[in-house]
C-alpha cells in the first residue's frame, strides 16, 4: 500500500515537471523586477522598455518559451550580444553605465536563471 502511494506521488511530481513552459503575458513580464536596487534601477532605465513589450521583438523578461533557447547558447554569448548588439538590440542595450557583471546579472534575471 505504501509503495503504491509513493509511486502515485512520484508519477504526479514527474508529470508536473515535464509540462512545457507557458508563454508569459506582457503584464507578467512587466511585474518582474530584479531584487537588488542597483540592478532594478538599471533594468528600469535600460531593459524594461523592450523586454516587457512583445511588439519590440525582444524576449519578454522571465518568459522561458523565449529565453531557454537563447540561454542554451551560453551566458558568454548573451553577454557578447548585449555589449555588441544583436538583431534589433542596440549595442550596450541602451545602458551606458552597465559593467559586464551588470549585463550578466540582468541577462540572468531576464532569462529567469538562478545562479
PDB file of N, CA and C in Angstrom:
ATOM      1  N   UNK A   1       0.822  -1.181   0.000  1.00  0.00           N
ATOM      2  CA  UNK A   1       0.000   0.000   0.000  1.00  0.00           C
ATOM      3  C   UNK A   1       0.877   1.260   0.000  1.00  0.00           C
ATOM      4  N   UNK A   2       1.919   1.273   0.813  1.00  0.00           N
ATOM      5  CA  UNK A   2       2.807   2.415   0.869  1.00  0.00           C
ATOM      6  C   UNK A   2       3.514   2.643  -0.461  1.00  0.00           C
ATOM      7  N   UNK A   3       3.957   1.571  -1.067  1.00  0.00           N
ATOM      8  CA  UNK A   3       4.656   1.673  -2.350  1.00  0.00           C
ATOM      9  C   UNK A   3       3.730   2.267  -3.401  1.00  0.00           C
ATOM     10  N   UNK A   4       2.483   1.843  -3.421  1.00  0.00           N
ATOM     11  CA  UNK A   4       1.533   2.383  -4.390  1.00  0.00           C
ATOM     12  C   UNK A   4       1.328   3.884  -4.169  1.00  0.00           C
ATOM     13  N   UNK A   5       1.226   4.276  -2.910  1.00  0.00           N
ATOM     14  CA  UNK A   5       1.022   5.686  -2.590  1.00  0.00           C
ATOM     15  C   UNK A   5       2.226   6.517  -3.040  1.00  0.00           C
ATOM     16  N   UNK A   6       3.435   6.052  -2.743  1.00  0.00           N
ATOM     17  CA  UNK A   6       4.635   6.773  -3.153  1.00  0.00           C
ATOM     18  C   UNK A   6       4.792   6.758  -4.664  1.00  0.00           C
ATOM     19  N   UNK A   7       4.439   5.661  -5.282  1.00  0.00           N
ATOM     20  CA  UNK A   7       4.508   5.574  -6.746  1.00  0.00           C
ATOM     21  C   UNK A   7       3.588   6.582  -7.399  1.00  0.00           C
ATOM     22  N   UNK A   8       2.373   6.722  -6.881  1.00  0.00           N
ATOM     23  CA  UNK A   8       1.425   7.691  -7.426  1.00  0.00           C
ATOM     24  C   UNK A   8       1.927   9.122  -7.208  1.00  0.00           C
ATOM     25  N   UNK A   9       2.499   9.378  -6.049  1.00  0.00           N
ATOM     26  CA  UNK A   9       3.047  10.702  -5.759  1.00  0.00           C
ATOM     27  C   UNK A   9       4.213  11.015  -6.693  1.00  0.00           C
ATOM     28  N   UNK A  10       5.086  10.060  -6.887  1.00  0.00           N
ATOM     29  CA  UNK A  10       6.225  10.245  -7.780  1.00  0.00           C
ATOM     30  C   UNK A  10       5.756  10.509  -9.203  1.00  0.00           C
ATOM     31  N   UNK A  11       4.777   9.760  -9.663  1.00  0.00           N
ATOM     32  CA  UNK A  11       4.247   9.960 -11.011  1.00  0.00           C
ATOM     33  C   UNK A  11       3.665  11.361 -11.171  1.00  0.00           C
ATOM     34  N   UNK A  12       2.971  11.842 -10.172  1.00  0.00           N
ATOM     35  CA  UNK A  12       2.389  13.187 -10.216  1.00  0.00           C
ATOM     36  C   UNK A  12       3.473  14.244 -10.290  1.00  0.00           C
ATOM     37  N   UNK A  13       4.508  14.095  -9.491  1.00  0.00           N
ATOM     38  CA  UNK A  13       5.618  15.054  -9.488  1.00  0.00           C
ATOM     39  C   UNK A  13       6.328  15.047 -10.838  1.00  0.00           C
ATOM     40  N   UNK A  14       6.588  13.878 -11.376  1.00  0.00           N
ATOM     41  CA  UNK A  14       7.275  13.780 -12.660  1.00  0.00           C
ATOM     42  C   UNK A  14       6.452  14.384 -13.786  1.00  0.00           C
ATOM     43  N   UNK A  15       5.175  14.139 -13.810  1.00  0.00           N
ATOM     44  CA  UNK A  15       4.318  14.712 -14.841  1.00  0.00           C
ATOM     45  C   UNK A  15       4.276  16.236 -14.735  1.00  0.00           C
ATOM     46  N   UNK A  16       4.200  16.730 -13.542  1.00  0.00           N
ATOM     47  CA  UNK A  16       4.165  18.184 -13.348  1.00  0.00           C
ATOM     48  C   UNK A  16       5.456  18.831 -13.832  1.00  0.00           C
ATOM     49  N   UNK A  17       6.573  18.166 -13.623  1.00  0.00           N
ATOM     50  CA  UNK A  17       7.857  18.744 -14.030  1.00  0.00           C
ATOM     51  C   UNK A  17       8.091  18.638 -15.529  1.00  0.00           C
ATOM     52  N   UNK A  18       7.340  17.814 -16.224  1.00  0.00           N
ATOM     53  CA  UNK A  18       7.504  17.629 -17.664  1.00  0.00           C
ATOM     54  C   UNK A  18       6.630  18.577 -18.478  1.00  0.00           C
ATOM     55  N   UNK A  19       5.759  19.311 -17.853  1.00  0.00           N
ATOM     56  CA  UNK A  19       4.899  20.213 -18.590  1.00  0.00           C
ATOM     57  C   UNK A  19       5.739  21.298 -19.242  1.00  0.00           C
ATOM     58  N   UNK A  20       5.364  21.627 -20.464  1.00  0.00           N
ATOM     59  CA  UNK A  20       6.090  22.648 -21.202  1.00  0.00           C
ATOM     60  C   UNK A  20       5.843  24.023 -20.586  1.00  0.00           C
ATOM     61  N   UNK A  21       6.848  24.866 -20.687  1.00  0.00           N
ATOM     62  CA  UNK A  21       6.709  26.238 -20.190  1.00  0.00           C
ATOM     63  C   UNK A  21       5.626  26.952 -20.991  1.00  0.00           C
ATOM     64  N   UNK A  22       4.881  27.785 -20.324  1.00  0.00           N
ATOM     65  CA  UNK A  22       3.832  28.571 -20.967  1.00  0.00           C
ATOM     66  C   UNK A  22       4.344  29.996 -21.192  1.00  0.00           C
ATOM     67  N   UNK A  23       4.001  30.601 -22.320  1.00  0.00           N
ATOM     68  CA  UNK A  23       4.435  31.985 -22.552  1.00  0.00           C
ATOM     69  C   UNK A  23       3.874  32.921 -21.489  1.00  0.00           C
ATOM     70  N   UNK A  24       4.651  33.922 -21.142  1.00  0.00           N
ATOM     71  CA  UNK A  24       4.182  34.947 -20.210  1.00  0.00           C
ATOM     72  C   UNK A  24       3.431  36.030 -20.987  1.00  0.00           C
ATOM     73  N   UNK A  25       2.579  36.717 -20.295  1.00  0.00           N
ATOM     74  CA  UNK A  25       1.930  37.884 -20.870  1.00  0.00           C
ATOM     75  C   UNK A  25       2.833  39.090 -20.660  1.00  0.00           C
ATOM     76  N   UNK A  26       2.535  40.159 -21.361  1.00  0.00           N
ATOM     77  CA  UNK A  26       3.297  41.392 -21.155  1.00  0.00           C
ATOM     78  C   UNK A  26       3.155  41.871 -19.714  1.00  0.00           C
ATOM     79  N   UNK A  27       1.968  41.727 -19.154  1.00  0.00           N
ATOM     80  CA  UNK A  27       1.743  42.159 -17.763  1.00  0.00           C
ATOM     81  C   UNK A  27       2.579  41.337 -16.792  1.00  0.00           C
ATOM     82  N   UNK A  28       2.698  40.037 -17.036  1.00  0.00           N
ATOM     83  CA  UNK A  28       3.521  39.194 -16.165  1.00  0.00           C
ATOM     84  C   UNK A  28       4.990  39.597 -16.276  1.00  0.00           C
ATOM     85  N   UNK A  29       5.453  39.866 -17.491  1.00  0.00           N
ATOM     86  CA  UNK A  29       6.839  40.290 -17.683  1.00  0.00           C
ATOM     87  C   UNK A  29       7.083  41.638 -17.002  1.00  0.00           C
ATOM     88  N   UNK A  30       6.115  42.543 -17.121  1.00  0.00           N
ATOM     89  CA  UNK A  30       6.261  43.877 -16.539  1.00  0.00           C
ATOM     90  C   UNK A  30       6.251  43.849 -15.014  1.00  0.00           C
ATOM     91  N   UNK A  31       5.629  42.830 -14.440  1.00  0.00           N
ATOM     92  CA  UNK A  31       5.551  42.732 -12.978  1.00  0.00           C
ATOM     93  C   UNK A  31       6.859  42.229 -12.361  1.00  0.00           C
ATOM     94  N   UNK A  32       7.743  41.674 -13.174  1.00  0.00           N
ATOM     95  CA  UNK A  32       9.011  41.161 -12.657  1.00  0.00           C
ATOM     96  C   UNK A  32       9.972  42.316 -12.392  1.00  0.00           C
ATOM     97  N   UNK A  33      10.810  42.135 -11.377  1.00  0.00           N
ATOM     98  CA  UNK A  33      11.768  43.184 -11.013  1.00  0.00           C
ATOM     99  C   UNK A  33      12.961  42.529 -10.323  1.00  0.00           C
ATOM    100  N   UNK A  34      14.172  42.924 -10.711  1.00  0.00           N
ATOM    101  CA  UNK A  34      15.339  42.395 -10.000  1.00  0.00           C
ATOM    102  C   UNK A  34      15.280  42.747  -8.522  1.00  0.00           C
ATOM    103  N   UNK A  35      15.840  41.886  -7.698  1.00  0.00           N
ATOM    104  CA  UNK A  35      15.768  42.066  -6.245  1.00  0.00           C
ATOM    105  C   UNK A  35      16.608  43.252  -5.758  1.00  0.00           C
ATOM    106  N   UNK A  36      17.779  43.428  -6.258  1.00  0.00           N
ATOM    107  CA  UNK A  36      18.664  44.490  -5.771  1.00  0.00           C
ATOM    108  C   UNK A  36      18.330  45.846  -6.371  1.00  0.00           C
ATOM    109  N   UNK A  37      18.502  46.890  -5.585  1.00  0.00           N
ATOM    110  CA  UNK A  37      18.171  48.248  -6.019  1.00  0.00           C
ATOM    111  C   UNK A  37      19.013  48.681  -7.228  1.00  0.00           C
ATOM    112  N   UNK A  38      20.289  48.344  -7.231  1.00  0.00           N
ATOM    113  CA  UNK A  38      21.169  48.736  -8.340  1.00  0.00           C
ATOM    114  C   UNK A  38      20.692  48.114  -9.650  1.00  0.00           C
ATOM    115  N   UNK A  39      20.478  46.800  -9.648  1.00  0.00           N
ATOM    116  CA  UNK A  39      20.020  46.131 -10.867  1.00  0.00           C
ATOM    117  C   UNK A  39      18.620  46.568 -11.258  1.00  0.00           C
ATOM    118  N   UNK A  40      17.760  46.780 -10.284  1.00  0.00           N
ATOM    119  CA  UNK A  40      16.400  47.232 -10.577  1.00  0.00           C
ATOM    120  C   UNK A  40      16.433  48.592 -11.285  1.00  0.00           C
ATOM    121  N   UNK A  41      17.309  49.484 -10.845  1.00  0.00           N
ATOM    122  CA  UNK A  41      17.419  50.799 -11.482  1.00  0.00           C
ATOM    123  C   UNK A  41      17.938  50.675 -12.913  1.00  0.00           C
ATOM    124  N   UNK A  42      18.951  49.828 -13.115  1.00  0.00           N
ATOM    125  CA  UNK A  42      19.469  49.615 -14.470  1.00  0.00           C
ATOM    126  C   UNK A  42      18.410  48.988 -15.364  1.00  0.00           C
ATOM    127  N   UNK A  43      17.710  48.001 -14.840  1.00  0.00           N
ATOM    128  CA  UNK A  43      16.660  47.315 -15.600  1.00  0.00           C
ATOM    129  C   UNK A  43      15.566  48.305 -16.001  1.00  0.00           C
ATOM    130  N   UNK A  44      15.118  49.118 -15.053  1.00  0.00           N
ATOM    131  CA  UNK A  44      14.063  50.097 -15.340  1.00  0.00           C
ATOM    132  C   UNK A  44      14.504  51.106 -16.397  1.00  0.00           C
ATOM    133  N   UNK A  45      15.746  51.531 -16.341  1.00  0.00           N
ATOM    134  CA  UNK A  45      16.242  52.550 -17.259  1.00  0.00           C
ATOM    135  C   UNK A  45      16.631  52.001 -18.634  1.00  0.00           C
ATOM    136  N   UNK A  46      17.023  50.731 -18.699  1.00  0.00           N
ATOM    137  CA  UNK A  46      17.605  50.222 -19.937  1.00  0.00           C
ATOM    138  C   UNK A  46      16.912  49.021 -20.564  1.00  0.00           C
ATOM    139  N   UNK A  47      16.321  48.167 -19.790  1.00  0.00           N
ATOM    140  CA  UNK A  47      15.818  46.886 -20.316  1.00  0.00           C
ATOM    141  C   UNK A  47      14.295  46.820 -20.391  1.00  0.00           C
ATOM    142  N   UNK A  48      13.655  47.357 -19.384  1.00  0.00           N
ATOM    143  CA  UNK A  48      12.203  47.211 -19.217  1.00  0.00           C
ATOM    144  C   UNK A  48      11.414  47.648 -20.454  1.00  0.00           C
ATOM    145  N   UNK A  49      11.808  48.743 -21.092  1.00  0.00           N
ATOM    146  CA  UNK A  49      11.007  49.287 -22.195  1.00  0.00           C
ATOM    147  C   UNK A  49      10.860  48.305 -23.353  1.00  0.00           C
ATOM    148  N   UNK A  50      11.832  47.466 -23.591  1.00  0.00           N
ATOM    149  CA  UNK A  50      11.745  46.478 -24.682  1.00  0.00           C
ATOM    150  C   UNK A  50      11.353  45.091 -24.185  1.00  0.00           C
ATOM    151  N   UNK A  51      11.875  44.675 -23.043  1.00  0.00           N
ATOM    152  CA  UNK A  51      11.691  43.295 -22.577  1.00  0.00           C
ATOM    153  C   UNK A  51      10.376  43.060 -21.840  1.00  0.00           C
ATOM    154  N   UNK A  52       9.462  44.031 -21.935  1.00  0.00           N
ATOM    155  CA  UNK A  52       8.109  43.842 -21.405  1.00  0.00           C
ATOM    156  C   UNK A  52       7.056  44.098 -22.484  1.00  0.00           C
ATOM    157  N   UNK A  53       7.497  44.301 -23.719  1.00  0.00           N
ATOM    158  CA  UNK A  53       6.591  44.550 -24.845  1.00  0.00           C
ATOM    159  C   UNK A  53       6.852  43.546 -25.953  1.00  0.00           C
ATOM    160  N   UNK A  54       5.886  42.755 -26.241  1.00  0.00           N
ATOM    161  CA  UNK A  54       6.027  41.719 -27.264  1.00  0.00           C
ATOM    162  C   UNK A  54       6.352  42.322 -28.638  1.00  0.00           C
ATOM    163  N   UNK A  55       5.766  43.475 -28.963  1.00  0.00           N
ATOM    164  CA  UNK A  55       5.973  44.062 -30.289  1.00  0.00           C
ATOM    165  C   UNK A  55       7.377  44.624 -30.501  1.00  0.00           C
ATOM    166  N   UNK A  56       8.196  44.657 -29.446  1.00  0.00           N
ATOM    167  CA  UNK A  56       9.572  45.140 -29.592  1.00  0.00           C
ATOM    168  C   UNK A  56      10.469  44.099 -30.259  1.00  0.00           C
ATOM    169  N   UNK A  57      10.038  42.842 -30.230  1.00  0.00           N
ATOM    170  CA  UNK A  57      10.863  41.765 -30.766  1.00  0.00           C
ATOM    171  C   UNK A  57      11.830  41.183 -29.748  1.00  0.00           C
ATOM    172  N   UNK A  58      11.974  41.844 -28.605  1.00  0.00           N
ATOM    173  CA  UNK A  58      12.859  41.351 -27.544  1.00  0.00           C
ATOM    174  C   UNK A  58      12.130  40.252 -26.765  1.00  0.00           C
ATOM    175  N   UNK A  59      12.885  39.263 -26.283  1.00  0.00           N
ATOM    176  CA  UNK A  59      12.235  38.231 -25.464  1.00  0.00           C
ATOM    177  C   UNK A  59      11.702  38.843 -24.171  1.00  0.00           C
ATOM    178  N   UNK A  60      10.476  38.496 -23.823  1.00  0.00           N
ATOM    179  CA  UNK A  60       9.877  39.032 -22.603  1.00  0.00           C
ATOM    180  C   UNK A  60      10.638  38.548 -21.378  1.00  0.00           C
ATOM    181  N   UNK A  61      10.846  39.428 -20.457  1.00  0.00           N
ATOM    182  CA  UNK A  61      11.553  39.115 -19.223  1.00  0.00           C
ATOM    183  C   UNK A  61      10.862  37.965 -18.492  1.00  0.00           C
ATOM    184  N   UNK A  62      11.617  36.918 -18.225  1.00  0.00           N
ATOM    185  CA  UNK A  62      11.114  35.772 -17.476  1.00  0.00           C
ATOM    186  C   UNK A  62      10.391  34.732 -18.296  1.00  0.00           C
ATOM    187  N   UNK A  63      10.227  34.946 -19.594  1.00  0.00           N
ATOM    188  CA  UNK A  63       9.474  34.018 -20.439  1.00  0.00           C
ATOM    189  C   UNK A  63      10.391  32.895 -20.939  1.00  0.00           C
ATOM    190  N   UNK A  64      10.269  31.746 -20.314  1.00  0.00           N
ATOM    191  CA  UNK A  64      11.124  30.608 -20.679  1.00  0.00           C
ATOM    192  C   UNK A  64      10.913  30.158 -22.115  1.00  0.00           C
ATOM    193  N   UNK A  65       9.716  30.361 -22.672  1.00  0.00           N
ATOM    194  CA  UNK A  65       9.478  29.945 -24.055  1.00  0.00           C
ATOM    195  C   UNK A  65      10.328  30.768 -25.016  1.00  0.00           C
ATOM    196  N   UNK A  66      10.735  31.941 -24.598  1.00  0.00           N
ATOM    197  CA  UNK A  66      11.572  32.794 -25.443  1.00  0.00           C
ATOM    198  C   UNK A  66      13.037  32.789 -25.028  1.00  0.00           C
ATOM    199  N   UNK A  67      13.317  32.548 -23.763  1.00  0.00           N
ATOM    200  CA  UNK A  67      14.685  32.652 -23.259  1.00  0.00           C
ATOM    201  C   UNK A  67      15.452  31.338 -23.245  1.00  0.00           C
ATOM    202  N   UNK A  68      14.797  30.215 -23.085  1.00  0.00           N
ATOM    203  CA  UNK A  68      15.530  28.956 -22.893  1.00  0.00           C
ATOM    204  C   UNK A  68      16.472  28.627 -24.052  1.00  0.00           C
ATOM    205  N   UNK A  69      16.016  28.812 -25.286  1.00  0.00           N
ATOM    206  CA  UNK A  69      16.887  28.538 -26.436  1.00  0.00           C
ATOM    207  C   UNK A  69      18.057  29.515 -26.477  1.00  0.00           C
ATOM    208  N   UNK A  70      17.796  30.741 -26.082  1.00  0.00           N
ATOM    209  CA  UNK A  70      18.880  31.730 -26.039  1.00  0.00           C
ATOM    210  C   UNK A  70      19.879  31.369 -24.939  1.00  0.00           C
ATOM    211  N   UNK A  71      19.353  30.998 -23.773  1.00  0.00           N
ATOM    212  CA  UNK A  71      20.216  30.642 -22.647  1.00  0.00           C
ATOM    213  C   UNK A  71      21.094  29.441 -22.988  1.00  0.00           C
ATOM    214  N   UNK A  72      20.568  28.543 -23.801  1.00  0.00           N
ATOM    215  CA  UNK A  72      21.326  27.352 -24.201  1.00  0.00           C
ATOM    216  C   UNK A  72      22.587  27.715 -24.986  1.00  0.00           C
ATOM    217  N   UNK A  73      22.629  28.897 -25.573  1.00  0.00           N
ATOM    218  CA  UNK A  73      23.821  29.351 -26.300  1.00  0.00           C
ATOM    219  C   UNK A  73      24.944  29.720 -25.340  1.00  0.00           C
ATOM    220  N   UNK A  74      24.586  29.933 -24.089  1.00  0.00           N
ATOM    221  CA  UNK A  74      25.580  30.235 -23.062  1.00  0.00           C
ATOM    222  C   UNK A  74      25.568  31.691 -22.660  1.00  0.00           C
ATOM    223  N   UNK A  75      25.803  31.921 -21.375  1.00  0.00           N
ATOM    224  CA  UNK A  75      25.819  33.305 -20.865  1.00  0.00           C
ATOM    225  C   UNK A  75      26.855  34.188 -21.543  1.00  0.00           C
ATOM    226  N   UNK A  76      27.988  33.612 -21.935  1.00  0.00           N
ATOM    227  CA  UNK A  76      29.019  34.427 -22.584  1.00  0.00           C
ATOM    228  C   UNK A  76      28.541  34.956 -23.929  1.00  0.00           C
ATOM    229  N   UNK A  77      27.819  34.137 -24.682  1.00  0.00           N
ATOM    230  CA  UNK A  77      27.276  34.569 -25.972  1.00  0.00           C
ATOM    231  C   UNK A  77      26.238  35.668 -25.762  1.00  0.00           C
ATOM    232  N   UNK A  78      25.379  35.494 -24.762  1.00  0.00           N
ATOM    233  CA  UNK A  78      24.363  36.507 -24.486  1.00  0.00           C
ATOM    234  C   UNK A  78      24.993  37.820 -24.030  1.00  0.00           C
ATOM    235  N   UNK A  79      26.059  37.721 -23.253  1.00  0.00           N
ATOM    236  CA  UNK A  79      26.790  38.919 -22.836  1.00  0.00           C
ATOM    237  C   UNK A  79      27.368  39.633 -24.059  1.00  0.00           C
ATOM    238  N   UNK A  80      27.961  38.865 -24.959  1.00  0.00           N
ATOM    239  CA  UNK A  80      28.525  39.445 -26.180  1.00  0.00           C
ATOM    240  C   UNK A  80      27.427  40.139 -26.999  1.00  0.00           C
ATOM    241  N   UNK A  81      26.255  39.519 -27.094  1.00  0.00           N
ATOM    242  CA  UNK A  81      25.142  40.129 -27.823  1.00  0.00           C
ATOM    243  C   UNK A  81      24.710  41.442 -27.173  1.00  0.00           C
ATOM    244  N   UNK A  82      24.676  41.469 -25.849  1.00  0.00           N
ATOM    245  CA  UNK A  82      24.267  42.688 -25.144  1.00  0.00           C
ATOM    246  C   UNK A  82      25.275  43.816 -25.366  1.00  0.00           C
ATOM    247  N   UNK A  83      26.536  43.488 -25.317  1.00  0.00           N
ATOM    248  CA  UNK A  83      27.579  44.503 -25.451  1.00  0.00           C
ATOM    249  C   UNK A  83      27.702  44.998 -26.893  1.00  0.00           C
ATOM    250  N   UNK A  84      27.741  44.057 -27.854  1.00  0.00           N
ATOM    251  CA  UNK A  84      27.971  44.415 -29.249  1.00  0.00           C
ATOM    252  C   UNK A  84      26.689  44.756 -30.003  1.00  0.00           C
ATOM    253  N   UNK A  85      25.548  44.343 -29.467  1.00  0.00           N
ATOM    254  CA  UNK A  85      24.283  44.484 -30.181  1.00  0.00           C
ATOM    255  C   UNK A  85      24.000  43.208 -30.953  1.00  0.00           C
ATOM    256  N   UNK A  86      22.733  42.924 -31.145  1.00  0.00           N
ATOM    257  CA  UNK A  86      22.354  41.688 -31.834  1.00  0.00           C
ATOM    258  C   UNK A  86      20.943  41.851 -32.370  1.00  0.00           C
ATOM    259  N   UNK A  87      20.773  41.559 -33.653  1.00  0.00           N
ATOM    260  CA  UNK A  87      19.486  41.769 -34.307  1.00  0.00           C
ATOM    261  C   UNK A  87      19.035  43.208 -34.048  1.00  0.00           C
ATOM    262  N   UNK A  88      17.852  43.399 -33.470  1.00  0.00           N
ATOM    263  CA  UNK A  88      17.340  44.757 -33.242  1.00  0.00           C
ATOM    264  C   UNK A  88      17.858  45.383 -31.949  1.00  0.00           C
ATOM    265  N   UNK A  89      18.558  44.611 -31.138  1.00  0.00           N
ATOM    266  CA  UNK A  89      19.066  45.159 -29.876  1.00  0.00           C
ATOM    267  C   UNK A  89      20.284  46.037 -30.144  1.00  0.00           C
ATOM    268  N   UNK A  90      20.237  47.275 -29.675  1.00  0.00           N
ATOM    269  CA  UNK A  90      21.384  48.152 -29.895  1.00  0.00           C
ATOM    270  C   UNK A  90      22.578  47.740 -29.037  1.00  0.00           C
ATOM    271  N   UNK A  91      23.750  48.104 -29.503  1.00  0.00           N
ATOM    272  CA  UNK A  91      24.960  47.833 -28.732  1.00  0.00           C
ATOM    273  C   UNK A  91      24.825  48.454 -27.358  1.00  0.00           C
ATOM    274  N   UNK A  92      25.142  47.689 -26.350  1.00  0.00           N
ATOM    275  CA  UNK A  92      25.057  48.181 -24.983  1.00  0.00           C
ATOM    276  C   UNK A  92      23.658  48.122 -24.402  1.00  0.00           C
ATOM    277  N   UNK A  93      22.693  47.732 -25.208  1.00  0.00           N
ATOM    278  CA  UNK A  93      21.327  47.599 -24.712  1.00  0.00           C
ATOM    279  C   UNK A  93      20.790  48.857 -24.071  1.00  0.00           C
ATOM    280  N   UNK A  94      21.214  50.019 -24.549  1.00  0.00           N
ATOM    281  CA  UNK A  94      20.786  51.313 -24.025  1.00  0.00           C
ATOM    282  C   UNK A  94      21.273  51.577 -22.601  1.00  0.00           C
ATOM    283  N   UNK A  95      22.301  50.878 -22.171  1.00  0.00           N
ATOM    284  CA  UNK A  95      22.836  51.086 -20.820  1.00  0.00           C
ATOM    285  C   UNK A  95      24.276  51.582 -20.922  1.00  0.00           C
ATOM    286  N   UNK A  96      24.447  52.864 -20.756  1.00  0.00           N
ATOM    287  CA  UNK A  96      25.778  53.468 -20.867  1.00  0.00           C
ATOM    288  C   UNK A  96      26.650  53.185 -19.656  1.00  0.00           C
ATOM    289  N   UNK A  97      26.052  52.824 -18.520  1.00  0.00           N
ATOM    290  CA  UNK A  97      26.827  52.633 -17.299  1.00  0.00           C
ATOM    291  C   UNK A  97      26.978  51.170 -16.891  1.00  0.00           C
ATOM    292  N   UNK A  98      26.396  50.252 -17.647  1.00  0.00           N
ATOM    293  CA  UNK A  98      26.456  48.836 -17.259  1.00  0.00           C
ATOM    294  C   UNK A  98      27.858  48.271 -17.403  1.00  0.00           C
ATOM    295  N   UNK A  99      28.261  47.519 -16.418  1.00  0.00           N
ATOM    296  CA  UNK A  99      29.507  46.760 -16.472  1.00  0.00           C
ATOM    297  C   UNK A  99      29.186  45.367 -17.003  1.00  0.00           C
ATOM    298  N   UNK A 100      30.212  44.590 -17.275  1.00  0.00           N
ATOM    299  CA  UNK A 100      29.991  43.205 -17.711  1.00  0.00           C
ATOM    300  C   UNK A 100      29.220  42.427 -16.647  1.00  0.00           C
ATOM    301  N   UNK A 101      29.535  42.679 -15.383  1.00  0.00           N
ATOM    302  CA  UNK A 101      28.819  41.996 -14.296  1.00  0.00           C
ATOM    303  C   UNK A 101      27.354  42.419 -14.255  1.00  0.00           C
ATOM    304  N   UNK A 102      27.085  43.705 -14.529  1.00  0.00           N
ATOM    305  CA  UNK A 102      25.696  44.175 -14.573  1.00  0.00           C
ATOM    306  C   UNK A 102      24.939  43.480 -15.695  1.00  0.00           C
ATOM    307  N   UNK A 103      25.531  43.469 -16.894  1.00  0.00           N
ATOM    308  CA  UNK A 103      24.883  42.803 -18.031  1.00  0.00           C
ATOM    309  C   UNK A 103      24.602  41.336 -17.711  1.00  0.00           C
ATOM    310  N   UNK A 104      25.584  40.669 -17.159  1.00  0.00           N
ATOM    311  CA  UNK A 104      25.427  39.248 -16.836  1.00  0.00           C
ATOM    312  C   UNK A 104      24.285  39.044 -15.851  1.00  0.00           C
ATOM    313  N   UNK A 105      24.216  39.857 -14.828  1.00  0.00           N
ATOM    314  CA  UNK A 105      23.148  39.732 -13.838  1.00  0.00           C
ATOM    315  C   UNK A 105      21.784  40.066 -14.441  1.00  0.00           C
ATOM    316  N   UNK A 106      21.731  41.081 -15.298  1.00  0.00           N
ATOM    317  CA  UNK A 106      20.467  41.441 -15.938  1.00  0.00           C
ATOM    318  C   UNK A 106      19.995  40.348 -16.894  1.00  0.00           C
ATOM    319  N   UNK A 107      20.909  39.787 -17.647  1.00  0.00           N
ATOM    320  CA  UNK A 107      20.563  38.690 -18.560  1.00  0.00           C
ATOM    321  C   UNK A 107      20.057  37.496 -17.761  1.00  0.00           C
ATOM    322  N   UNK A 108      20.759  37.161 -16.706  1.00  0.00           N
ATOM    323  CA  UNK A 108      20.354  36.039 -15.850  1.00  0.00           C
ATOM    324  C   UNK A 108      18.943  36.284 -15.288  1.00  0.00           C
ATOM    325  N   UNK A 109      18.675  37.505 -14.858  1.00  0.00           N
ATOM    326  CA  UNK A 109      17.348  37.847 -14.341  1.00  0.00           C
ATOM    327  C   UNK A 109      16.292  37.704 -15.435  1.00  0.00           C
ATOM    328  N   UNK A 110      16.544  38.300 -16.592  1.00  0.00           N
ATOM    329  CA  UNK A 110      15.543  38.262 -17.662  1.00  0.00           C
ATOM    330  C   UNK A 110      15.303  36.844 -18.178  1.00  0.00           C
ATOM    331  N   UNK A 111      16.366  36.038 -18.190  1.00  0.00           N
ATOM    332  CA  UNK A 111      16.237  34.640 -18.620  1.00  0.00           C
ATOM    333  C   UNK A 111      15.668  33.764 -17.524  1.00  0.00           C
ATOM    334  N   UNK A 112      15.488  34.326 -16.335  1.00  0.00           N
ATOM    335  CA  UNK A 112      14.957  33.618 -15.173  1.00  0.00           C
ATOM    336  C   UNK A 112      15.817  32.411 -14.817  1.00  0.00           C
ATOM    337  N   UNK A 113      17.129  32.663 -14.760  1.00  0.00           N
ATOM    338  CA  UNK A 113      18.094  31.622 -14.422  1.00  0.00           C
ATOM    339  C   UNK A 113      18.751  31.960 -13.098  1.00  0.00           C
ATOM    340  N   UNK A 114      18.665  31.055 -12.165  1.00  0.00           N
ATOM    341  CA  UNK A 114      19.285  31.279 -10.867  1.00  0.00           C
ATOM    342  C   UNK A 114      20.777  30.959 -10.960  1.00  0.00           C
ATOM    343  N   UNK A 115      21.541  31.570 -10.083  1.00  0.00           N
ATOM    344  CA  UNK A 115      22.987  31.317 -10.082  1.00  0.00           C
ATOM    345  C   UNK A 115      23.319  29.986  -9.491  1.00  0.00           C
TER     346      UNK A 115
END
